[in-house]
N, C-alpha and C. Protein backbone atom coordinates (compact mmCIF):
# COMPACT_ATOMS: atom_id res chain seq x y z
N ILE A 1 -11.94 32.24 21.30
CA ILE A 1 -12.58 31.27 21.77
C ILE A 1 -12.69 29.94 22.34
N PHE A 2 -12.41 29.39 23.45
CA PHE A 2 -11.90 28.74 23.92
C PHE A 2 -10.92 27.76 23.47
N GLY A 3 -9.56 28.31 23.33
CA GLY A 3 -8.56 27.89 22.23
C GLY A 3 -8.84 27.40 21.23
N LEU A 4 -10.05 28.13 20.39
CA LEU A 4 -10.13 27.77 19.39
C LEU A 4 -10.26 28.97 18.35
N ASP A 5 -9.33 29.61 17.25
CA ASP A 5 -9.77 30.55 16.77
C ASP A 5 -10.04 30.59 15.36
N PRO A 6 -11.07 30.46 14.67
CA PRO A 6 -11.71 29.62 13.66
C PRO A 6 -10.61 30.37 12.22
N LYS A 7 -10.12 31.86 12.79
CA LYS A 7 -9.24 32.12 11.43
C LYS A 7 -8.10 31.93 11.36
N LYS A 8 -7.71 31.29 12.67
CA LYS A 8 -6.27 30.76 12.84
C LYS A 8 -6.21 29.52 13.25
N PRO A 9 -6.99 28.65 12.75
CA PRO A 9 -6.73 27.30 13.58
C PRO A 9 -5.44 26.45 13.60
N GLU A 10 -5.20 25.98 14.60
CA GLU A 10 -3.76 24.79 14.65
C GLU A 10 -3.81 23.93 13.84
N GLY A 11 -5.04 23.70 13.01
CA GLY A 11 -4.93 22.14 11.95
C GLY A 11 -6.37 22.43 11.37
N GLN A 12 -6.64 21.57 10.36
CA GLN A 12 -8.25 21.43 9.64
C GLN A 12 -8.22 20.22 9.25
N PHE A 13 -9.30 19.85 8.87
CA PHE A 13 -9.47 18.56 7.82
C PHE A 13 -10.79 18.50 7.28
N ILE A 14 -10.71 18.14 5.77
CA ILE A 14 -12.18 18.28 5.47
C ILE A 14 -13.13 16.83 5.63
N VAL A 15 -14.17 16.78 6.02
CA VAL A 15 -14.90 15.21 6.63
C VAL A 15 -16.11 15.48 4.93
N LYS A 16 -16.58 14.07 4.22
CA LYS A 16 -17.33 14.24 3.56
C LYS A 16 -18.77 13.22 4.05
N SER A 17 -19.40 13.98 4.84
CA SER A 17 -20.79 12.87 4.85
C SER A 17 -21.30 12.12 4.42
N ARG A 18 -22.30 11.03 4.72
CA ARG A 18 -22.86 9.93 3.74
C ARG A 18 -23.67 10.68 2.80
N SER A 19 -24.45 11.84 3.49
CA SER A 19 -25.34 12.74 2.51
C SER A 19 -24.54 13.31 1.28
N GLY A 20 -23.02 13.51 1.60
CA GLY A 20 -22.50 13.85 0.43
C GLY A 20 -21.78 15.74 0.62
N ALA A 21 -22.57 15.92 1.62
CA ALA A 21 -22.35 17.33 2.36
C ALA A 21 -20.75 16.97 2.80
N MET A 22 -19.49 18.43 2.52
CA MET A 22 -18.44 18.29 2.97
C MET A 22 -18.19 19.08 4.41
N HIS A 23 -17.51 19.21 5.02
CA HIS A 23 -17.49 19.85 6.48
C HIS A 23 -15.95 20.08 6.87
N THR A 24 -15.71 21.59 7.34
CA THR A 24 -14.37 21.73 7.10
C THR A 24 -14.58 21.22 8.98
N VAL A 25 -13.48 21.05 9.62
CA VAL A 25 -13.32 20.60 10.70
C VAL A 25 -11.74 21.47 11.73
N LEU A 26 -12.30 22.08 12.05
CA LEU A 26 -11.08 23.02 12.31
C LEU A 26 -10.67 22.93 14.14
N LEU A 27 -9.32 22.68 14.02
CA LEU A 27 -8.81 22.54 15.51
C LEU A 27 -8.20 23.47 16.57
N GLY A 28 -8.26 23.34 16.74
CA GLY A 28 -7.50 24.17 18.40
C GLY A 28 -6.62 24.15 19.12
N LYS A 29 -6.44 24.77 20.15
CA LYS A 29 -5.35 24.19 21.84
C LYS A 29 -5.87 23.37 22.15
N SER A 30 -4.91 22.71 22.82
CA SER A 30 -5.11 21.74 24.07
C SER A 30 -6.23 22.37 24.90
N THR A 31 -6.68 21.38 25.59
CA THR A 31 -7.81 21.97 26.56
C THR A 31 -6.46 22.05 28.20
N PRO A 32 -7.25 22.94 29.36
CA PRO A 32 -6.01 23.08 30.43
C PRO A 32 -5.65 21.46 30.55
N ASP A 33 -6.13 20.48 30.94
CA ASP A 33 -6.02 19.33 31.36
C ASP A 33 -5.17 18.35 30.74
N ASP A 34 -5.06 18.58 29.03
CA ASP A 34 -4.13 18.18 27.90
C ASP A 34 -4.46 16.88 27.31
N LYS A 35 -6.03 16.77 27.69
CA LYS A 35 -6.41 15.18 27.39
C LYS A 35 -7.14 15.78 25.87
N TYR A 36 -7.47 17.05 25.51
CA TYR A 36 -8.96 16.63 24.29
C TYR A 36 -8.52 18.07 24.02
N LEU A 37 -8.52 18.01 22.34
CA LEU A 37 -8.48 19.51 21.42
C LEU A 37 -9.59 20.25 21.63
N TYR A 38 -9.28 21.32 21.48
CA TYR A 38 -10.81 22.35 21.09
C TYR A 38 -10.93 21.96 19.74
N ALA A 39 -12.52 21.96 19.36
CA ALA A 39 -12.36 21.50 17.83
C ALA A 39 -13.70 22.15 17.06
N GLY A 40 -14.18 22.34 15.86
CA GLY A 40 -15.44 23.46 15.62
C GLY A 40 -15.30 23.22 14.30
N ILE A 41 -16.48 23.14 13.47
CA ILE A 41 -17.13 22.89 12.32
C ILE A 41 -16.83 24.65 11.52
N LEU A 42 -16.26 24.76 10.31
CA LEU A 42 -16.18 26.30 9.60
C LEU A 42 -17.61 26.62 9.63
N GLY A 43 -18.16 27.59 10.27
CA GLY A 43 -19.40 28.06 9.73
C GLY A 43 -20.40 27.87 10.92
N ASN A 44 -19.95 27.49 11.73
CA ASN A 44 -20.84 26.82 13.38
C ASN A 44 -20.10 27.48 14.41
N PRO A 45 -21.23 28.50 14.96
CA PRO A 45 -20.23 28.74 16.02
C PRO A 45 -20.15 27.86 17.42
N ALA A 46 -20.57 26.63 17.37
CA ALA A 46 -20.14 25.75 18.52
C ALA A 46 -18.83 25.26 18.70
N VAL A 47 -18.05 25.39 19.65
CA VAL A 47 -16.82 24.78 19.79
C VAL A 47 -17.06 23.22 20.88
N TYR A 48 -16.10 22.00 20.49
CA TYR A 48 -16.43 21.21 20.97
C TYR A 48 -14.97 20.61 21.69
N ALA A 49 -14.83 19.75 22.82
CA ALA A 49 -13.73 19.21 23.28
C ALA A 49 -13.46 17.73 22.41
N ILE A 50 -12.24 17.15 21.72
CA ILE A 50 -12.56 16.08 20.85
C ILE A 50 -11.03 15.41 21.54
N ASN A 51 -11.44 13.98 21.76
CA ASN A 51 -10.09 13.47 22.52
C ASN A 51 -8.89 13.64 21.70
N LYS A 52 -7.75 13.86 22.17
CA LYS A 52 -6.49 14.27 21.50
C LYS A 52 -5.66 13.28 20.54
N LYS A 53 -6.20 11.94 20.86
CA LYS A 53 -5.37 11.05 20.08
C LYS A 53 -5.96 11.34 18.71
N LEU A 54 -6.32 12.05 18.05
CA LEU A 54 -6.64 12.06 16.74
C LEU A 54 -5.66 13.25 16.13
N GLN A 55 -4.83 13.73 16.96
CA GLN A 55 -3.66 14.50 16.72
C GLN A 55 -2.59 13.76 16.02
N PRO A 56 -2.12 12.79 16.67
CA PRO A 56 -0.69 12.43 15.63
C PRO A 56 -1.18 11.69 14.66
N ALA A 57 -2.40 11.19 14.30
CA ALA A 57 -2.68 11.01 12.99
C ALA A 57 -2.75 12.12 11.95
N LEU A 58 -3.52 13.37 12.53
CA LEU A 58 -3.67 14.54 11.90
C LEU A 58 -2.19 15.15 11.26
N SER A 59 -0.95 15.00 12.20
CA SER A 59 0.64 15.56 11.96
C SER A 59 1.12 14.19 10.84
N LYS A 60 0.66 13.19 10.57
CA LYS A 60 1.35 12.69 9.61
C LYS A 60 1.57 13.33 8.61
N ASP A 61 2.86 12.86 7.33
CA ASP A 61 2.40 13.20 5.97
C ASP A 61 2.14 12.08 4.86
N LEU A 62 1.78 12.97 4.35
CA LEU A 62 0.99 12.12 3.29
C LEU A 62 1.46 10.73 3.03
N PHE A 63 2.89 10.22 3.37
CA PHE A 63 3.72 9.25 3.03
C PHE A 63 3.27 8.25 4.00
N ALA A 64 2.76 8.58 4.97
CA ALA A 64 2.17 7.57 5.96
C ALA A 64 0.80 7.39 5.62
N TRP A 65 0.11 8.02 5.26
CA TRP A 65 -0.87 7.95 5.03
C TRP A 65 -1.27 6.79 3.77
N ARG A 66 -0.45 6.31 2.77
CA ARG A 66 -0.28 5.33 1.35
C ARG A 66 -0.13 3.89 1.91
N GLU A 67 -1.17 3.26 0.93
CA GLU A 67 -1.09 1.84 1.35
C GLU A 67 0.85 1.60 0.45
N LYS A 68 1.49 0.87 1.12
CA LYS A 68 2.91 0.26 1.35
C LYS A 68 3.27 -0.94 0.52
N ARG A 69 1.71 -1.69 0.73
CA ARG A 69 2.01 -3.04 0.14
C ARG A 69 2.23 -3.04 -1.12
N VAL A 70 3.25 -3.79 -1.82
CA VAL A 70 3.96 -3.78 -3.39
C VAL A 70 2.92 -5.14 -4.21
N VAL A 71 2.66 -6.34 -3.42
CA VAL A 71 1.72 -7.55 -3.98
C VAL A 71 0.50 -7.24 -2.94
N PHE A 72 -0.55 -7.31 -3.32
CA PHE A 72 -1.82 -7.34 -2.22
C PHE A 72 -2.43 -8.89 -2.43
N GLN A 73 -2.07 -9.64 -2.91
CA GLN A 73 -2.17 -11.37 -2.76
C GLN A 73 -1.45 -11.43 -1.41
N ALA A 74 -2.16 -12.86 -1.13
CA ALA A 74 -1.10 -13.32 0.21
C ALA A 74 -0.47 -14.74 -0.33
N ALA A 75 0.84 -15.00 0.19
CA ALA A 75 1.65 -16.17 -0.39
C ALA A 75 0.99 -17.18 -0.73
N THR A 76 0.41 -17.45 -0.25
CA THR A 76 -0.86 -18.97 0.09
C THR A 76 -1.77 -18.89 -0.86
N ASP A 77 -2.12 -17.37 -1.51
CA ASP A 77 -3.04 -17.93 -2.49
C ASP A 77 -2.50 -17.96 -3.74
N ILE A 78 -1.42 -17.67 -4.39
CA ILE A 78 -0.91 -17.46 -5.36
C ILE A 78 -0.67 -19.32 -5.49
N ARG A 79 -1.07 -19.55 -6.97
CA ARG A 79 -0.91 -20.99 -7.60
C ARG A 79 -0.01 -21.39 -8.85
N GLU A 80 0.17 -20.27 -9.28
CA GLU A 80 1.25 -20.16 -10.16
C GLU A 80 1.97 -18.65 -9.97
N PHE A 81 2.97 -18.71 -11.00
CA PHE A 81 3.90 -17.15 -10.73
C PHE A 81 5.04 -17.64 -12.15
N SER A 82 5.33 -15.88 -12.19
CA SER A 82 6.21 -16.10 -13.40
C SER A 82 6.95 -15.16 -13.23
N TYR A 83 8.74 -14.90 -13.86
CA TYR A 83 9.51 -13.83 -13.44
C TYR A 83 10.31 -13.46 -14.89
N LYS A 84 10.48 -12.46 -15.26
CA LYS A 84 11.28 -12.51 -15.62
C LYS A 84 12.54 -11.35 -15.51
N ASN A 85 14.20 -11.66 -15.93
CA ASN A 85 15.12 -11.31 -15.41
C ASN A 85 15.53 -10.34 -16.95
N GLY A 86 15.03 -9.22 -16.93
CA GLY A 86 15.63 -8.23 -17.91
C GLY A 86 15.36 -9.20 -19.23
N THR A 87 16.52 -9.22 -19.88
CA THR A 87 16.33 -10.07 -21.33
C THR A 87 16.29 -11.67 -21.27
N GLN A 88 16.53 -12.20 -20.37
CA GLN A 88 16.44 -13.73 -19.94
C GLN A 88 14.83 -13.74 -20.02
N SER A 89 14.91 -15.54 -20.34
CA SER A 89 13.62 -16.30 -20.71
C SER A 89 13.01 -16.13 -19.27
N GLU A 90 11.79 -15.97 -19.82
CA GLU A 90 10.52 -16.00 -18.63
C GLU A 90 10.71 -17.32 -17.90
N VAL A 91 10.90 -17.41 -16.35
CA VAL A 91 10.31 -18.61 -15.59
C VAL A 91 9.36 -18.50 -15.21
N ARG A 92 8.75 -19.53 -15.11
CA ARG A 92 7.07 -20.11 -14.62
C ARG A 92 7.35 -20.90 -13.81
N ALA A 93 6.45 -21.14 -13.02
CA ALA A 93 6.23 -22.19 -12.13
C ALA A 93 4.96 -22.27 -11.51
N ALA A 94 4.20 -23.41 -11.00
CA ALA A 94 2.86 -23.58 -10.78
C ALA A 94 2.51 -24.37 -9.70
N LEU A 95 1.86 -24.28 -8.71
CA LEU A 95 1.79 -25.67 -7.79
C LEU A 95 0.52 -26.83 -8.40
N LEU A 96 0.90 -27.62 -8.06
CA LEU A 96 0.26 -28.97 -8.67
C LEU A 96 0.08 -29.55 -8.16
N GLY A 97 -0.90 -29.92 -7.15
CA GLY A 97 -1.50 -30.69 -5.83
C GLY A 97 -0.58 -30.23 -5.11
N LYS A 98 0.00 -30.42 -4.13
CA LYS A 98 0.83 -30.01 -3.19
C LYS A 98 2.59 -29.62 -3.17
N GLU A 99 2.79 -29.49 -4.93
CA GLU A 99 4.31 -29.40 -5.03
C GLU A 99 4.39 -28.60 -6.15
N TRP A 100 5.60 -27.80 -5.83
CA TRP A 100 5.73 -26.79 -7.04
C TRP A 100 6.83 -27.35 -7.92
N ASN A 101 6.16 -26.78 -9.12
CA ASN A 101 6.64 -27.03 -10.39
C ASN A 101 7.24 -25.89 -11.35
N LEU A 102 8.45 -26.54 -11.99
CA LEU A 102 8.92 -25.35 -12.74
C LEU A 102 8.14 -25.86 -14.47
N ILE A 103 7.52 -25.31 -15.09
CA ILE A 103 6.91 -25.47 -15.98
C ILE A 103 7.68 -24.53 -17.51
N ALA A 104 8.19 -23.62 -17.18
CA ALA A 104 8.62 -22.74 -18.19
C ALA A 104 10.36 -22.18 -17.29
N PRO A 105 11.48 -22.61 -18.34
CA PRO A 105 11.59 -22.81 -19.43
C PRO A 105 11.54 -24.20 -19.92
N PHE A 106 11.51 -25.28 -19.06
CA PHE A 106 11.69 -27.13 -18.99
C PHE A 106 10.73 -26.99 -17.58
N ALA A 107 10.52 -28.32 -17.73
CA ALA A 107 9.81 -28.65 -16.50
C ALA A 107 10.99 -29.94 -15.47
N ALA A 108 10.63 -29.33 -14.12
CA ALA A 108 11.17 -29.70 -13.15
C ALA A 108 10.85 -29.62 -11.69
N LYS A 109 11.23 -30.40 -10.86
CA LYS A 109 10.29 -29.99 -9.26
C LYS A 109 11.22 -29.18 -8.68
N LEU A 110 10.28 -28.42 -7.87
CA LEU A 110 11.06 -27.42 -7.43
C LEU A 110 11.06 -27.85 -5.86
N ASN A 111 12.11 -27.26 -4.97
CA ASN A 111 12.33 -27.29 -3.73
C ASN A 111 10.84 -26.27 -3.19
N LYS A 112 9.91 -26.63 -2.47
CA LYS A 112 8.88 -26.24 -1.99
C LYS A 112 8.78 -25.50 -0.64
N SER A 113 10.12 -25.43 0.13
CA SER A 113 10.11 -24.95 1.18
C SER A 113 10.69 -23.21 0.37
N ALA A 114 11.56 -23.16 -0.81
CA ALA A 114 12.49 -22.28 -1.26
C ALA A 114 11.45 -21.68 -1.67
N VAL A 115 10.38 -22.02 -2.73
CA VAL A 115 9.19 -21.37 -3.25
C VAL A 115 8.93 -20.82 -2.38
N ASP A 116 7.99 -21.27 -1.00
CA ASP A 116 6.89 -20.81 -0.17
C ASP A 116 7.71 -19.61 0.41
N THR A 117 9.36 -19.84 0.67
CA THR A 117 10.32 -18.21 0.89
C THR A 117 9.71 -17.29 -0.02
N PHE A 118 10.42 -17.67 -1.20
CA PHE A 118 10.30 -17.03 -2.25
C PHE A 118 9.13 -15.97 -2.35
N LEU A 119 8.09 -16.55 -2.07
CA LEU A 119 6.46 -15.96 -2.36
C LEU A 119 6.52 -15.10 -1.28
N GLN A 120 6.97 -15.69 0.31
CA GLN A 120 6.64 -14.84 1.37
C GLN A 120 7.30 -13.56 1.01
N ASP A 121 8.64 -13.33 0.84
CA ASP A 121 9.07 -12.27 0.55
C ASP A 121 8.75 -11.56 -0.51
N VAL A 122 8.32 -11.62 -1.40
CA VAL A 122 7.42 -11.15 -2.81
C VAL A 122 6.27 -10.58 -1.92
N THR A 123 5.74 -11.27 -1.28
CA THR A 123 4.28 -11.10 -0.64
C THR A 123 4.73 -9.71 0.58
N GLY A 124 5.79 -9.98 0.98
CA GLY A 124 6.54 -9.12 1.99
C GLY A 124 6.99 -7.51 1.70
N LEU A 125 6.73 -7.83 0.69
CA LEU A 125 7.47 -6.05 0.33
C LEU A 125 6.86 -5.02 -0.09
N ARG A 126 7.49 -4.02 0.91
CA ARG A 126 6.87 -2.60 1.09
C ARG A 126 7.08 -1.61 0.72
N VAL A 127 6.90 -0.62 0.22
CA VAL A 127 7.12 0.75 -0.40
C VAL A 127 8.16 1.58 0.80
N SER A 128 9.64 1.79 0.41
CA SER A 128 10.22 2.38 1.58
C SER A 128 10.36 3.98 1.36
N ARG A 129 10.23 4.38 -0.45
CA ARG A 129 9.63 5.73 -0.47
C ARG A 129 8.87 5.57 -1.93
N PHE A 130 8.87 6.90 -2.21
CA PHE A 130 7.60 6.62 -3.69
C PHE A 130 8.91 7.61 -4.50
N VAL A 131 8.26 7.24 -5.87
CA VAL A 131 9.67 7.81 -6.80
C VAL A 131 8.48 8.65 -8.18
N ASP A 132 8.70 9.97 -8.18
CA ASP A 132 8.02 10.64 -9.24
C ASP A 132 8.65 10.03 -10.59
N ASP A 133 9.85 10.43 -10.95
CA ASP A 133 10.28 10.52 -12.03
C ASP A 133 10.38 9.09 -12.45
N VAL A 134 9.78 8.38 -13.17
CA VAL A 134 9.44 7.44 -13.68
C VAL A 134 10.51 6.74 -14.67
N ALA A 135 11.05 7.94 -15.78
CA ALA A 135 12.13 7.46 -16.54
C ALA A 135 13.30 7.22 -15.38
N ALA A 136 13.90 7.70 -14.54
CA ALA A 136 15.16 7.47 -14.16
C ALA A 136 14.92 6.71 -13.25
N SER A 137 13.40 6.12 -12.93
CA SER A 137 13.41 4.39 -11.63
C SER A 137 13.93 3.49 -12.83
N GLY A 138 13.87 3.54 -14.14
CA GLY A 138 14.39 1.90 -15.04
C GLY A 138 13.02 1.24 -15.20
N PHE A 139 11.88 1.81 -14.86
CA PHE A 139 10.58 1.24 -15.85
C PHE A 139 10.18 1.08 -17.30
N THR A 140 10.82 1.85 -17.64
CA THR A 140 10.93 1.86 -19.50
C THR A 140 11.37 0.39 -19.82
N SER A 141 12.44 0.39 -19.31
CA SER A 141 13.21 -1.05 -19.63
C SER A 141 13.89 -1.98 -18.06
N PRO A 142 12.41 -2.68 -17.71
CA PRO A 142 12.51 -3.32 -16.16
C PRO A 142 13.57 -4.39 -16.42
N THR A 143 14.05 -4.40 -15.17
CA THR A 143 15.03 -5.10 -14.58
C THR A 143 14.52 -6.08 -14.43
N TYR A 144 13.34 -6.21 -13.30
CA TYR A 144 12.05 -7.81 -13.19
C TYR A 144 11.18 -7.09 -13.78
N THR A 145 10.34 -8.73 -13.86
CA THR A 145 8.83 -8.76 -13.60
C THR A 145 8.17 -9.70 -13.02
N PHE A 146 7.64 -9.81 -12.53
CA PHE A 146 7.05 -10.69 -11.84
C PHE A 146 5.53 -10.56 -11.94
N ASN A 147 5.18 -11.71 -12.21
CA ASN A 147 3.31 -12.02 -12.14
C ASN A 147 2.92 -13.26 -11.46
N SER A 148 1.50 -12.92 -10.40
CA SER A 148 1.44 -14.18 -10.23
C SER A 148 -0.09 -14.15 -10.49
N TYR A 149 -0.75 -15.85 -10.03
CA TYR A 149 -1.84 -15.88 -10.61
C TYR A 149 -2.75 -16.93 -9.48
N GLU A 150 -3.68 -16.48 -9.81
CA GLU A 150 -4.61 -17.25 -8.38
C GLU A 150 -5.14 -18.77 -8.67
N ARG A 151 -4.87 -18.99 -9.95
CA ARG A 151 -4.91 -20.38 -10.37
C ARG A 151 -4.20 -20.88 -11.52
N GLU A 152 -3.77 -22.11 -12.14
CA GLU A 152 -3.16 -22.34 -12.53
C GLU A 152 -3.61 -23.20 -13.98
N GLY A 153 -3.14 -23.34 -15.03
CA GLY A 153 -3.25 -23.68 -15.80
C GLY A 153 -3.26 -22.94 -17.18
N GLU A 154 -3.79 -23.14 -18.45
CA GLU A 154 -3.76 -22.55 -19.64
C GLU A 154 -4.80 -21.36 -19.47
N GLY A 155 -5.58 -21.18 -18.78
CA GLY A 155 -6.64 -20.78 -18.11
C GLY A 155 -6.51 -19.37 -17.62
N SER A 156 -5.69 -19.92 -16.84
CA SER A 156 -4.83 -18.65 -15.84
C SER A 156 -4.49 -17.34 -16.45
N THR A 157 -5.36 -16.38 -15.78
CA THR A 157 -4.67 -14.96 -16.32
C THR A 157 -4.22 -14.76 -15.03
N VAL A 158 -3.05 -13.43 -15.27
CA VAL A 158 -2.66 -12.77 -14.13
C VAL A 158 -3.47 -11.93 -13.54
N ASN A 159 -3.15 -12.18 -12.22
CA ASN A 159 -3.66 -11.43 -10.95
C ASN A 159 -3.05 -10.14 -10.91
N GLU A 160 -1.54 -10.20 -10.68
CA GLU A 160 -1.21 -8.67 -10.41
C GLU A 160 0.13 -9.07 -10.78
N THR A 161 1.09 -7.69 -11.24
CA THR A 161 2.39 -7.81 -11.98
C THR A 161 2.77 -6.80 -11.43
N MET A 162 4.28 -7.00 -10.67
CA MET A 162 5.74 -6.05 -10.17
C MET A 162 6.42 -5.71 -10.89
N THR A 163 6.76 -4.74 -11.22
CA THR A 163 7.93 -4.60 -12.15
C THR A 163 8.80 -3.90 -11.51
N ILE A 164 10.32 -4.58 -11.36
CA ILE A 164 11.43 -3.54 -10.59
C ILE A 164 12.15 -3.23 -11.55
N GLY A 165 12.54 -1.58 -11.37
CA GLY A 165 13.42 -0.89 -12.32
C GLY A 165 14.68 -1.34 -11.70
N LYS A 166 15.62 -0.52 -11.82
CA LYS A 166 16.89 -0.59 -11.54
C LYS A 166 17.49 0.16 -10.39
N GLU A 167 18.42 -0.34 -9.53
CA GLU A 167 18.50 -0.40 -8.13
C GLU A 167 19.30 1.18 -7.87
N ASP A 168 19.09 1.94 -6.69
CA ASP A 168 18.99 3.17 -6.34
C ASP A 168 20.37 3.17 -6.11
């Protein structure tokens, strides 16, 4: 039927309407002008021609759909951070006024440009692949732990924590 065989669709996906109803959209072959795909709703005899631009998105694997940011804060929102390298002491820095300062394990002024670059690098991290074997990844005893805070001081609470396991 018009390039759409409901028993053998070229593809299908399920959508949930605002009312909560679930609909299975069936995709068929391209129209003769190759601009549209034939489509229909399972259980409904009507056939539609929908924009073919949808086809590449539906051809993507699960990895393409997943969020790949590691840290969800913008570097400019971080006012304090800490990191720990394995068993070494925690290093903690805070933005006091317009200057970055080391506050643990001892007090010292930090190079603002170097800290800003570091935070840009951290917040710019993206997942290159997802790992299913947590034990093999090294997360049981992480190599690094990075915490970020959106405000500095004694009352600050961790906004995000990133744990880095062992290298591949």
